[in-house]
Amino acid sequence: MFALPDLPYDHAALEPVISRATMHLHHEKHHQTYLDTVNRLLSEAARSPASLEDVVREAAGDTASKILFNNAAQAWNHSFFWAAMSPRGPAPSGALAAAIDRDFGSLTSLKARFVDDGAAHFGSGWIWLAAEGGAVKVMSTHDGDDLLTHSGLTPLLACDLWEHAYYLDHKNDRKAYLSAWFDALPNWTLARQQYDAAQGEGEAWLHPAPIAQNQGTAARTAR
């Protein structure tokens, strides 16, 4: 089974952009529910996958596995989202910084594209900074879709566009949320590592592996 990953920072660490209340609701309610559903569906099917990435990829495009895909992809997206934020992260550096300057002109121009595309995205979903080979691009996906099923793309950053991610703090002003998020919270260290992995240097981020049933029960009880 897949356990809810701990946050890499305190629930209040991302304030004022994302409040403690939002983080508790988002992490312990929304994210936990996705994982609970994944674990239930896998148990009913007597499946013990090696990774959540395998679950997402195998369920993609299979109409009979649509519910499993939606929940597994959302579980993966949220875990990556937590990792893709840092309250005190450094600016972009290395090859990633050079690629941003080449493909967008500047970090300021990248922010404008990221914020505008995310604000214009209709409905729920995600806005991504991704590497396609050496190129850096901004793209969005709808609902639970992520980049695992898009060949040749490596996620560098992700920001949640579902209303539960920002409504308590920013009401319906998604653009203000995205602008504040981009200024304060991207984990550029992770983004650089992901970009390097896309160039064949190092390994890309992976969701924590599944744990034994008794370990999962103990973790839930402790929480």
C-alpha atoms as a PDB file:
ATOM      1  CA  MET A   1       0.000   0.000   0.000  1.00  0.00           C
ATOM      2  CA  PHE A   2       1.022   3.632  -0.445  1.00  0.00           C
ATOM      3  CA  ALA A   3       1.357   5.800   2.641  1.00  0.00           C
ATOM      4  CA  LEU A   4       0.815   9.540   2.778  1.00  0.00           C
ATOM      5  CA  PRO A   5       4.300  11.089   2.512  1.00  0.00           C
ATOM      6  CA  ASP A   6       5.264  13.516   5.249  1.00  0.00           C
ATOM      7  CA  LEU A   7       5.618  17.124   4.186  1.00  0.00           C
ATOM      8  CA  PRO A   8       9.259  18.224   3.798  1.00  0.00           C
ATOM      9  CA  TYR A   9       8.492  21.321   5.909  1.00  0.00           C
ATOM     10  CA  ASP A  10       6.103  22.510   8.611  1.00  0.00           C
ATOM     11  CA  HIS A  11       2.467  23.122   7.649  1.00  0.00           C
ATOM     12  CA  ALA A  12       2.978  26.856   8.261  1.00  0.00           C
ATOM     13  CA  ALA A  13       6.267  27.114   6.351  1.00  0.00           C
ATOM     14  CA  LEU A  14       4.673  28.314   3.114  1.00  0.00           C
ATOM     15  CA  GLU A  15       2.754  31.202   4.652  1.00  0.00           C
ATOM     16  CA  PRO A  16       1.572  33.749   3.643  1.00  0.00           C
ATOM     17  CA  VAL A  17       1.171  32.265   0.160  1.00  0.00           C
ATOM     18  CA  ILE A  18      -0.344  29.012   1.444  1.00  0.00           C
ATOM     19  CA  SER A  19      -1.710  28.983   4.967  1.00  0.00           C
ATOM     20  CA  ARG A  20      -1.347  26.348   7.659  1.00  0.00           C
ATOM     21  CA  ALA A  21      -5.111  25.680   7.406  1.00  0.00           C
ATOM     22  CA  THR A  22      -4.901  25.052   3.669  1.00  0.00           C
ATOM     23  CA  MET A  23      -1.918  22.754   4.058  1.00  0.00           C
ATOM     24  CA  HIS A  24      -3.640  20.631   6.712  1.00  0.00           C
ATOM     25  CA  LEU A  25      -6.797  20.343   4.601  1.00  0.00           C
ATOM     26  CA  HIS A  26      -4.926  19.753   1.364  1.00  0.00           C
ATOM     27  CA  HIS A  27      -2.359  17.273   2.638  1.00  0.00           C
ATOM     28  CA  GLU A  28      -4.249  15.303   5.268  1.00  0.00           C
ATOM     29  CA  LYS A  29      -7.698  15.293   3.650  1.00  0.00           C
ATOM     30  CA  HIS A  30      -7.477  15.630  -0.141  1.00  0.00           C
ATOM     31  CA  HIS A  31      -4.153  13.863  -0.646  1.00  0.00           C
ATOM     32  CA  GLN A  32      -4.957  11.155   1.894  1.00  0.00           C
ATOM     33  CA  THR A  33      -8.297  10.450   0.192  1.00  0.00           C
ATOM     34  CA  TYR A  34      -6.599   9.898  -3.172  1.00  0.00           C
ATOM     35  CA  LEU A  35      -4.186   7.431  -1.605  1.00  0.00           C
ATOM     36  CA  ASP A  36      -6.929   5.654   0.332  1.00  0.00           C
ATOM     37  CA  THR A  37      -8.846   5.148  -2.910  1.00  0.00           C
ATOM     38  CA  VAL A  38      -5.753   3.867  -4.731  1.00  0.00           C
ATOM     39  CA  ASN A  39      -4.993   1.412  -1.944  1.00  0.00           C
ATOM     40  CA  ARG A  40      -8.592   0.164  -1.855  1.00  0.00           C
ATOM     41  CA  LEU A  41      -8.750  -0.368  -5.619  1.00  0.00           C
ATOM     42  CA  LEU A  42      -5.404  -2.167  -5.680  1.00  0.00           C
ATOM     43  CA  SER A  43      -6.453  -4.370  -2.763  1.00  0.00           C
ATOM     44  CA  GLU A  44      -9.732  -5.285  -4.463  1.00  0.00           C
ATOM     45  CA  ALA A  45      -7.783  -6.237  -7.584  1.00  0.00           C
ATOM     46  CA  ALA A  46      -5.186  -8.172  -5.513  1.00  0.00           C
ATOM     47  CA  ARG A  47      -2.416  -6.074  -7.029  1.00  0.00           C
ATOM     48  CA  SER A  48       0.918  -5.198  -5.423  1.00  0.00           C
ATOM     49  CA  PRO A  49       2.640  -2.766  -7.796  1.00  0.00           C
ATOM     50  CA  ALA A  50       6.289  -1.865  -7.408  1.00  0.00           C
ATOM     51  CA  SER A  51       5.710   1.877  -7.722  1.00  0.00           C
ATOM     52  CA  LEU A  52       3.012   4.510  -8.035  1.00  0.00           C
ATOM     53  CA  GLU A  53       4.549   5.491 -11.365  1.00  0.00           C
ATOM     54  CA  ASP A  54       3.727   1.969 -12.612  1.00  0.00           C
ATOM     55  CA  VAL A  55       0.130   2.306 -11.429  1.00  0.00           C
ATOM     56  CA  VAL A  56      -0.346   5.613 -13.235  1.00  0.00           C
ATOM     57  CA  ARG A  57       1.187   4.466 -16.503  1.00  0.00           C
ATOM     58  CA  GLU A  58      -0.619   1.119 -16.559  1.00  0.00           C
ATOM     59  CA  ALA A  59      -4.003   2.685 -15.782  1.00  0.00           C
ATOM     60  CA  ALA A  60      -3.668   5.480 -18.345  1.00  0.00           C
ATOM     61  CA  GLY A  61      -5.852   5.013 -21.399  1.00  0.00           C
ATOM     62  CA  ASP A  62      -7.680   2.026 -19.892  1.00  0.00           C
ATOM     63  CA  THR A  63     -11.351   2.964 -19.604  1.00  0.00           C
ATOM     64  CA  ALA A  64     -11.953   0.287 -16.978  1.00  0.00           C
ATOM     65  CA  SER A  65      -9.153   1.789 -14.847  1.00  0.00           C
ATOM     66  CA  LYS A  66     -10.249   5.425 -15.123  1.00  0.00           C
ATOM     67  CA  ILE A  67     -10.999   5.798 -11.413  1.00  0.00           C
ATOM     68  CA  LEU A  68      -7.680   4.202 -10.508  1.00  0.00           C
ATOM     69  CA  PHE A  69      -5.817   6.465 -12.926  1.00  0.00           C
ATOM     70  CA  ASN A  70      -7.479   9.637 -11.646  1.00  0.00           C
ATOM     71  CA  ASN A  71      -6.686   8.858  -8.021  1.00  0.00           C
ATOM     72  CA  ALA A  72      -3.186   7.469  -8.619  1.00  0.00           C
ATOM     73  CA  ALA A  73      -2.218  10.411 -10.816  1.00  0.00           C
ATOM     74  CA  GLN A  74      -3.603  12.880  -8.294  1.00  0.00           C
ATOM     75  CA  ALA A  75      -1.725  11.129  -5.492  1.00  0.00           C
ATOM     76  CA  TRP A  76       1.512  11.345  -7.507  1.00  0.00           C
ATOM     77  CA  ASN A  77       0.882  14.962  -8.495  1.00  0.00           C
ATOM     78  CA  HIS A  78       0.373  16.028  -4.895  1.00  0.00           C
ATOM     79  CA  SER A  79       3.508  14.287  -3.652  1.00  0.00           C
ATOM     80  CA  PHE A  80       5.519  15.974  -6.396  1.00  0.00           C
ATOM     81  CA  PHE A  81       3.812  19.306  -5.632  1.00  0.00           C
ATOM     82  CA  TRP A  82       4.950  19.182  -1.987  1.00  0.00           C
ATOM     83  CA  ALA A  83       8.496  18.391  -3.119  1.00  0.00           C
ATOM     84  CA  ALA A  84       8.394  21.148  -5.745  1.00  0.00           C
ATOM     85  CA  MET A  85       7.934  23.831  -3.080  1.00  0.00           C
ATOM     86  CA  SER A  86      10.474  25.242  -0.653  1.00  0.00           C
ATOM     87  CA  PRO A  87      10.065  28.167   1.748  1.00  0.00           C
ATOM     88  CA  ARG A  88      13.685  29.299   1.391  1.00  0.00           C
ATOM     89  CA  GLY A  89      14.866  27.978  -1.936  1.00  0.00           C
ATOM     90  CA  PRO A  90      17.686  29.498  -4.010  1.00  0.00           C
ATOM     91  CA  ALA A  91      17.183  30.971  -7.471  1.00  0.00           C
ATOM     92  CA  PRO A  92      17.568  28.828 -10.613  1.00  0.00           C
ATOM     93  CA  SER A  93      21.151  27.919 -11.353  1.00  0.00           C
ATOM     94  CA  GLY A  94      23.377  25.929 -13.669  1.00  0.00           C
ATOM     95  CA  ALA A  95      22.135  24.508 -16.939  1.00  0.00           C
ATOM     96  CA  LEU A  96      18.507  25.095 -15.952  1.00  0.00           C
ATOM     97  CA  ALA A  97      19.064  28.833 -15.497  1.00  0.00           C
ATOM     98  CA  ALA A  98      20.763  28.980 -18.905  1.00  0.00           C
ATOM     99  CA  ALA A  99      17.890  27.058 -20.502  1.00  0.00           C
ATOM    100  CA  ILE A 100      15.308  29.426 -18.972  1.00  0.00           C
ATOM    101  CA  ASP A 101      17.172  32.443 -20.350  1.00  0.00           C
ATOM    102  CA  ARG A 102      17.425  30.789 -23.755  1.00  0.00           C
ATOM    103  CA  ASP A 103      13.813  29.629 -24.024  1.00  0.00           C
ATOM    104  CA  PHE A 104      11.992  32.477 -22.223  1.00  0.00           C
ATOM    105  CA  GLY A 105      14.438  35.380 -22.243  1.00  0.00           C
ATOM    106  CA  SER A 106      14.476  35.731 -18.463  1.00  0.00           C
ATOM    107  CA  LEU A 107      13.010  34.355 -15.247  1.00  0.00           C
ATOM    108  CA  THR A 108      10.589  37.301 -15.265  1.00  0.00           C
ATOM    109  CA  SER A 109       9.299  36.278 -18.680  1.00  0.00           C
ATOM    110  CA  LEU A 110       8.967  32.672 -17.539  1.00  0.00           C
ATOM    111  CA  LYS A 111       6.908  33.826 -14.565  1.00  0.00           C
ATOM    112  CA  ALA A 112       4.591  35.821 -16.835  1.00  0.00           C
ATOM    113  CA  ARG A 113       4.025  32.785 -19.061  1.00  0.00           C
ATOM    114  CA  PHE A 114       3.532  30.427 -16.106  1.00  0.00           C
ATOM    115  CA  VAL A 115       1.070  32.732 -14.344  1.00  0.00           C
ATOM    116  CA  ASP A 116      -0.887  33.661 -17.477  1.00  0.00           C
ATOM    117  CA  ASP A 117      -1.209  30.062 -18.682  1.00  0.00           C
ATOM    118  CA  GLY A 118      -2.228  28.841 -15.238  1.00  0.00           C
ATOM    119  CA  ALA A 119      -4.786  31.633 -14.769  1.00  0.00           C
ATOM    120  CA  ALA A 120      -6.272  30.959 -18.224  1.00  0.00           C
ATOM    121  CA  HIS A 121      -6.542  27.198 -17.669  1.00  0.00           C
ATOM    122  CA  PHE A 122     -10.233  26.301 -17.684  1.00  0.00           C
ATOM    123  CA  GLY A 123     -11.374  24.192 -14.766  1.00  0.00           C
ATOM    124  CA  SER A 124      -9.250  22.031 -12.518  1.00  0.00           C
ATOM    125  CA  GLY A 125      -5.771  20.752 -13.238  1.00  0.00           C
ATOM    126  CA  TRP A 126      -2.071  21.522 -12.969  1.00  0.00           C
ATOM    127  CA  ILE A 127       0.442  23.952 -14.430  1.00  0.00           C
ATOM    128  CA  TRP A 128       3.901  22.528 -15.052  1.00  0.00           C
ATOM    129  CA  LEU A 129       7.390  23.632 -15.859  1.00  0.00           C
ATOM    130  CA  ALA A 130       8.790  20.740 -17.870  1.00  0.00           C
ATOM    131  CA  ALA A 131      11.873  19.681 -19.756  1.00  0.00           C
ATOM    132  CA  GLU A 132      11.544  18.192 -23.213  1.00  0.00           C
ATOM    133  CA  GLY A 133      15.057  17.142 -24.003  1.00  0.00           C
ATOM    134  CA  GLY A 134      17.072  20.289 -23.419  1.00  0.00           C
ATOM    135  CA  ALA A 135      14.119  22.618 -23.933  1.00  0.00           C
ATOM    136  CA  VAL A 136      12.128  24.102 -21.054  1.00  0.00           C
ATOM    137  CA  LYS A 137       8.403  24.628 -21.533  1.00  0.00           C
ATOM    138  CA  VAL A 138       5.263  25.586 -19.620  1.00  0.00           C
ATOM    139  CA  MET A 139       2.218  23.375 -20.018  1.00  0.00           C
ATOM    140  CA  SER A 140      -0.992  22.523 -18.210  1.00  0.00           C
ATOM    141  CA  THR A 141      -2.932  19.294 -17.739  1.00  0.00           C
ATOM    142  CA  HIS A 142      -6.576  18.811 -16.840  1.00  0.00           C
ATOM    143  CA  ASP A 143      -7.963  17.188 -13.714  1.00  0.00           C
ATOM    144  CA  GLY A 144      -5.581  14.436 -12.520  1.00  0.00           C
ATOM    145  CA  ASP A 145      -3.526  14.100 -15.696  1.00  0.00           C
ATOM    146  CA  ASP A 146       0.213  14.488 -15.218  1.00  0.00           C
ATOM    147  CA  LEU A 147       3.403  14.198 -17.255  1.00  0.00           C
ATOM    148  CA  LEU A 148       4.112  10.529 -16.539  1.00  0.00           C
ATOM    149  CA  THR A 149       2.027   9.516 -19.546  1.00  0.00           C
ATOM    150  CA  HIS A 150       3.467  12.193 -21.863  1.00  0.00           C
ATOM    151  CA  SER A 151       6.484  10.715 -23.595  1.00  0.00           C
ATOM    152  CA  GLY A 152       9.682  12.732 -23.512  1.00  0.00           C
ATOM    153  CA  LEU A 153       8.630  15.148 -20.765  1.00  0.00           C
ATOM    154  CA  THR A 154      10.222  15.503 -17.324  1.00  0.00           C
ATOM    155  CA  PRO A 155       8.417  17.621 -14.710  1.00  0.00           C
ATOM    156  CA  LEU A 156      10.556  20.319 -13.140  1.00  0.00           C
ATOM    157  CA  LEU A 157       7.893  22.136 -11.096  1.00  0.00           C
ATOM    158  CA  ALA A 158       4.151  21.770 -10.620  1.00  0.00           C
ATOM    159  CA  CYS A 159       1.501  24.050  -9.172  1.00  0.00           C
ATOM    160  CA  ASP A 160      -1.980  22.838  -8.239  1.00  0.00           C
ATOM    161  CA  LEU A 161      -4.809  24.670 -10.038  1.00  0.00           C
ATOM    162  CA  TRP A 162      -7.663  22.935  -8.227  1.00  0.00           C
ATOM    163  CA  GLU A 163      -9.639  25.412  -6.123  1.00  0.00           C
ATOM    164  CA  HIS A 164      -8.950  23.507  -2.914  1.00  0.00           C
ATOM    165  CA  ALA A 165      -5.277  24.477  -3.309  1.00  0.00           C
ATOM    166  CA  TYR A 166      -5.843  28.216  -3.000  1.00  0.00           C
ATOM    167  CA  TYR A 167      -9.453  29.156  -2.243  1.00  0.00           C
ATOM    168  CA  LEU A 168      -9.089  29.591   1.535  1.00  0.00           C
ATOM    169  CA  ASP A 169      -6.162  31.977   1.012  1.00  0.00           C
ATOM    170  CA  HIS A 170      -6.851  33.706  -2.317  1.00  0.00           C
ATOM    171  CA  LYS A 171     -10.590  33.132  -2.891  1.00  0.00           C
ATOM    172  CA  ASN A 172     -11.236  33.038  -6.661  1.00  0.00           C
ATOM    173  CA  ASP A 173      -8.115  35.022  -7.601  1.00  0.00           C
ATOM    174  CA  ARG A 174      -6.086  32.219  -9.127  1.00  0.00           C
ATOM    175  CA  LYS A 175      -3.761  34.662 -10.861  1.00  0.00           C
ATOM    176  CA  ALA A 176      -2.761  36.296  -7.554  1.00  0.00           C
ATOM    177  CA  TYR A 177      -2.133  32.829  -6.089  1.00  0.00           C
ATOM    178  CA  LEU A 178       0.075  31.828  -9.011  1.00  0.00           C
ATOM    179  CA  SER A 179       2.016  35.086  -8.964  1.00  0.00           C
ATOM    180  CA  ALA A 180       2.697  34.844  -5.227  1.00  0.00           C
ATOM    181  CA  TRP A 181       3.533  31.149  -5.567  1.00  0.00           C
ATOM    182  CA  PHE A 182       6.083  31.722  -8.325  1.00  0.00           C
ATOM    183  CA  ASP A 183       7.796  34.529  -6.425  1.00  0.00           C
ATOM    184  CA  ALA A 184       8.174  32.648  -3.142  1.00  0.00           C
ATOM    185  CA  LEU A 185       7.779  28.888  -3.311  1.00  0.00           C
ATOM    186  CA  PRO A 186       9.365  27.059  -6.289  1.00  0.00           C
ATOM    187  CA  ASN A 187      12.003  24.542  -5.246  1.00  0.00           C
ATOM    188  CA  TRP A 188      14.579  25.471  -7.860  1.00  0.00           C
ATOM    189  CA  THR A 189      17.025  22.948  -6.421  1.00  0.00           C
ATOM    190  CA  LEU A 190      14.610  20.128  -7.283  1.00  0.00           C
ATOM    191  CA  ALA A 191      13.875  21.730 -10.651  1.00  0.00           C
ATOM    192  CA  ARG A 192      17.606  21.822 -11.471  1.00  0.00           C
ATOM    193  CA  GLN A 193      18.008  18.185 -10.446  1.00  0.00           C
ATOM    194  CA  GLN A 194      15.045  17.231 -12.601  1.00  0.00           C
ATOM    195  CA  TYR A 195      16.435  19.169 -15.554  1.00  0.00           C
ATOM    196  CA  ASP A 196      19.802  17.478 -15.146  1.00  0.00           C
ATOM    197  CA  ALA A 197      18.040  14.091 -15.026  1.00  0.00           C
ATOM    198  CA  ALA A 198      16.294  14.934 -18.295  1.00  0.00           C
ATOM    199  CA  GLN A 199      19.772  15.372 -19.791  1.00  0.00           C
ATOM    200  CA  GLY A 200      20.841  11.955 -18.505  1.00  0.00           C
ATOM    201  CA  GLU A 201      22.669  13.276 -15.448  1.00  0.00           C
ATOM    202  CA  GLY A 202      21.295  11.662 -12.292  1.00  0.00           C
ATOM    203  CA  GLU A 203      17.878  10.194 -11.518  1.00  0.00           C
ATOM    204  CA  ALA A 204      14.496  11.903 -11.718  1.00  0.00           C
ATOM    205  CA  TRP A 205      12.257  12.237  -8.656  1.00  0.00           C
ATOM    206  CA  LEU A 206      10.209   9.156  -7.766  1.00  0.00           C
ATOM    207  CA  HIS A 207       7.222   8.790  -5.478  1.00  0.00           C
ATOM    208  CA  PRO A 208       7.990   6.970  -2.210  1.00  0.00           C
ATOM    209  CA  ALA A 209       7.715   3.204  -2.694  1.00  0.00           C
ATOM    210  CA  PRO A 210       4.768   1.212  -1.317  1.00  0.00           C
ATOM    211  CA  ILE A 211       5.053  -0.191   2.184  1.00  0.00           C
ATOM    212  CA  ALA A 212       3.842  -3.372   3.836  1.00  0.00           C
ATOM    213  CA  GLN A 213       0.257  -3.416   5.067  1.00  0.00           C
ATOM    214  CA  ASN A 214       1.221  -3.562   8.761  1.00  0.00           C
ATOM    215  CA  GLN A 215       3.613  -0.637   8.346  1.00  0.00           C
ATOM    216  CA  GLY A 216       0.851   1.397   6.711  1.00  0.00           C
ATOM    217  CA  THR A 217      -1.537   0.672   9.559  1.00  0.00           C
ATOM    218  CA  ALA A 218       1.057   1.782  12.095  1.00  0.00           C
ATOM    219  CA  ALA A 219       1.771   4.973  10.159  1.00  0.00           C
ATOM    220  CA  ARG A 220      -1.917   5.883   9.965  1.00  0.00           C
ATOM    221  CA  THR A 221      -2.385   5.193  13.693  1.00  0.00           C
ATOM    222  CA  ALA A 222       0.588   7.400  14.598  1.00  0.00           C
ATOM    223  CA  ARG A 223      -0.739  10.207  12.399  1.00  0.00           C
END
